Amino acid sequence: MSTELEGSILDLLSRRSDGASICPSEAARAVDRKNWRGLMEAVREAAWGLEARGRIVVLKRGRRIARAEARGPIRLALAVPSAPKP
């Protein structure tokens, strides 16, 4: 499931304009329209896996955050080479 969720995140981000972000719920809905809420924790885990590999960044209020800061709403965006790690 993690691979499917990672693919969903990357697919959605690849279709957005440069610098755009998505809500993790968009990736969950793309995988399972009816039961997307049950996928939210798995989507967040998939996002952190992609973040660890430098593929995406996790944002809160437009600022890149560390995993320990990820409480409440977050956004996901494609990584850019100049984005420093928190």
C-alpha atoms as a PDB file:
ATOM      1  CA  MET A   1       0.000   0.000   0.000  1.00  0.00           C
ATOM      2  CA  SER A   2       2.871   2.370   0.763  1.00  0.00           C
ATOM      3  CA  THR A   3       4.112   2.166  -2.833  1.00  0.00           C
ATOM      4  CA  GLU A   4       0.612   2.950  -4.125  1.00  0.00           C
ATOM      5  CA  LEU A   5       0.303   5.921  -1.776  1.00  0.00           C
ATOM      6  CA  GLU A   6       3.752   7.224  -2.681  1.00  0.00           C
ATOM      7  CA  GLY A   7       2.809   6.925  -6.350  1.00  0.00           C
ATOM      8  CA  SER A   8      -0.412   8.820  -5.718  1.00  0.00           C
ATOM      9  CA  ILE A   9       1.452  11.651  -3.962  1.00  0.00           C
ATOM     10  CA  LEU A  10       4.043  11.948  -6.735  1.00  0.00           C
ATOM     11  CA  ASP A  11       1.430  11.713  -9.498  1.00  0.00           C
ATOM     12  CA  LEU A  12      -0.698  14.477  -8.011  1.00  0.00           C
ATOM     13  CA  LEU A  13       2.314  16.723  -7.473  1.00  0.00           C
ATOM     14  CA  SER A  14       3.612  16.133 -10.999  1.00  0.00           C
ATOM     15  CA  ARG A  15       0.325  17.492 -12.381  1.00  0.00           C
ATOM     16  CA  ARG A  16       0.510  20.713 -10.343  1.00  0.00           C
ATOM     17  CA  SER A  17       2.320  23.883 -11.299  1.00  0.00           C
ATOM     18  CA  ASP A  18       5.833  24.475 -10.000  1.00  0.00           C
ATOM     19  CA  GLY A  19       5.824  25.262  -6.303  1.00  0.00           C
ATOM     20  CA  ALA A  20       2.265  24.013  -5.772  1.00  0.00           C
ATOM     21  CA  SER A  21       1.400  21.676  -2.918  1.00  0.00           C
ATOM     22  CA  ILE A  22      -1.265  19.098  -2.112  1.00  0.00           C
ATOM     23  CA  CYS A  23      -3.094  18.086   1.010  1.00  0.00           C
ATOM     24  CA  PRO A  24      -2.381  14.478   2.066  1.00  0.00           C
ATOM     25  CA  SER A  25      -6.127  13.823   1.873  1.00  0.00           C
ATOM     26  CA  GLU A  26      -5.980  14.348  -1.909  1.00  0.00           C
ATOM     27  CA  ALA A  27      -3.607  11.383  -2.208  1.00  0.00           C
ATOM     28  CA  ALA A  28      -5.804   9.269   0.067  1.00  0.00           C
ATOM     29  CA  ARG A  29      -8.899  10.108  -1.981  1.00  0.00           C
ATOM     30  CA  ALA A  30      -7.095   9.244  -5.217  1.00  0.00           C
ATOM     31  CA  VAL A  31      -6.427   5.747  -3.864  1.00  0.00           C
ATOM     32  CA  ASP A  32      -9.795   5.090  -2.177  1.00  0.00           C
ATOM     33  CA  ARG A  33     -12.630   7.573  -2.708  1.00  0.00           C
ATOM     34  CA  LYS A  34     -14.941   5.986  -0.125  1.00  0.00           C
ATOM     35  CA  ASN A  35     -12.566   5.059   2.684  1.00  0.00           C
ATOM     36  CA  TRP A  36      -9.917   7.743   2.310  1.00  0.00           C
ATOM     37  CA  ARG A  37     -10.034   8.792   5.979  1.00  0.00           C
ATOM     38  CA  GLY A  38      -8.737   5.376   7.000  1.00  0.00           C
ATOM     39  CA  LEU A  39      -5.685   5.945   4.812  1.00  0.00           C
ATOM     40  CA  MET A  40      -4.608   9.261   6.294  1.00  0.00           C
ATOM     41  CA  GLU A  41      -1.982   7.885   8.685  1.00  0.00           C
ATOM     42  CA  ALA A  42      -0.569   5.669   5.925  1.00  0.00           C
ATOM     43  CA  VAL A  43      -0.415   8.663   3.554  1.00  0.00           C
ATOM     44  CA  ARG A  44       1.513  10.658   6.134  1.00  0.00           C
ATOM     45  CA  GLU A  45       3.931   7.746   6.599  1.00  0.00           C
ATOM     46  CA  ALA A  46       4.373   7.465   2.830  1.00  0.00           C
ATOM     47  CA  ALA A  47       5.022  11.204   2.674  1.00  0.00           C
ATOM     48  CA  TRP A  48       7.723  10.979   5.334  1.00  0.00           C
ATOM     49  CA  GLY A  49       9.339   8.143   3.385  1.00  0.00           C
ATOM     50  CA  LEU A  50       9.408  10.308   0.254  1.00  0.00           C
ATOM     51  CA  GLU A  51      10.716  13.230   2.289  1.00  0.00           C
ATOM     52  CA  ALA A  52      13.535  11.085   3.718  1.00  0.00           C
ATOM     53  CA  ARG A  53      14.561  10.195   0.156  1.00  0.00           C
ATOM     54  CA  GLY A  54      14.534  13.844  -0.927  1.00  0.00           C
ATOM     55  CA  ARG A  55      11.569  13.511  -3.301  1.00  0.00           C
ATOM     56  CA  ILE A  56       9.133  15.834  -1.487  1.00  0.00           C
ATOM     57  CA  VAL A  57       9.024  18.342   1.344  1.00  0.00           C
ATOM     58  CA  VAL A  58       6.451  18.518   4.117  1.00  0.00           C
ATOM     59  CA  LEU A  59       5.110  21.991   4.833  1.00  0.00           C
ATOM     60  CA  LYS A  60       3.133  23.685   7.556  1.00  0.00           C
ATOM     61  CA  ARG A  61       1.939  27.231   6.933  1.00  0.00           C
ATOM     62  CA  GLY A  62       4.216  27.343   3.885  1.00  0.00           C
ATOM     63  CA  ARG A  63       7.378  26.452   5.815  1.00  0.00           C
ATOM     64  CA  ARG A  64       9.300  23.191   5.604  1.00  0.00           C
ATOM     65  CA  ILE A  65       9.015  21.268   8.850  1.00  0.00           C
ATOM     66  CA  ALA A  66      10.648  18.364  10.629  1.00  0.00           C
ATOM     67  CA  ARG A  67       8.603  15.297  11.468  1.00  0.00           C
ATOM     68  CA  ALA A  68       8.415  16.282  15.142  1.00  0.00           C
ATOM     69  CA  GLU A  69       6.599  19.485  14.124  1.00  0.00           C
ATOM     70  CA  ALA A  70       3.948  17.699  12.046  1.00  0.00           C
ATOM     71  CA  ARG A  71       0.865  18.167  14.178  1.00  0.00           C
ATOM     72  CA  GLY A  72      -2.346  19.280  12.541  1.00  0.00           C
ATOM     73  CA  PRO A  73      -2.708  20.191   8.871  1.00  0.00           C
ATOM     74  CA  ILE A  74       0.304  19.717   6.605  1.00  0.00           C
ATOM     75  CA  ARG A  75       0.933  20.130   2.883  1.00  0.00           C
ATOM     76  CA  LEU A  76       3.184  18.190   0.517  1.00  0.00           C
ATOM     77  CA  ALA A  77       5.284  19.660  -2.285  1.00  0.00           C
ATOM     78  CA  LEU A  78       7.953  18.425  -4.671  1.00  0.00           C
ATOM     79  CA  ALA A  79      11.447  18.952  -3.328  1.00  0.00           C
ATOM     80  CA  VAL A  80      13.633  21.577  -4.924  1.00  0.00           C
ATOM     81  CA  PRO A  81      17.415  21.293  -4.689  1.00  0.00           C
ATOM     82  CA  SER A  82      17.764  24.514  -2.712  1.00  0.00           C
ATOM     83  CA  ALA A  83      15.230  23.620   0.005  1.00  0.00           C
ATOM     84  CA  PRO A  84      17.225  23.254   3.256  1.00  0.00           C
ATOM     85  CA  LYS A  85      16.241  20.574   5.758  1.00  0.00           C
ATOM     86  CA  PRO A  86      14.780  21.910   9.012  1.00  0.00           C
END
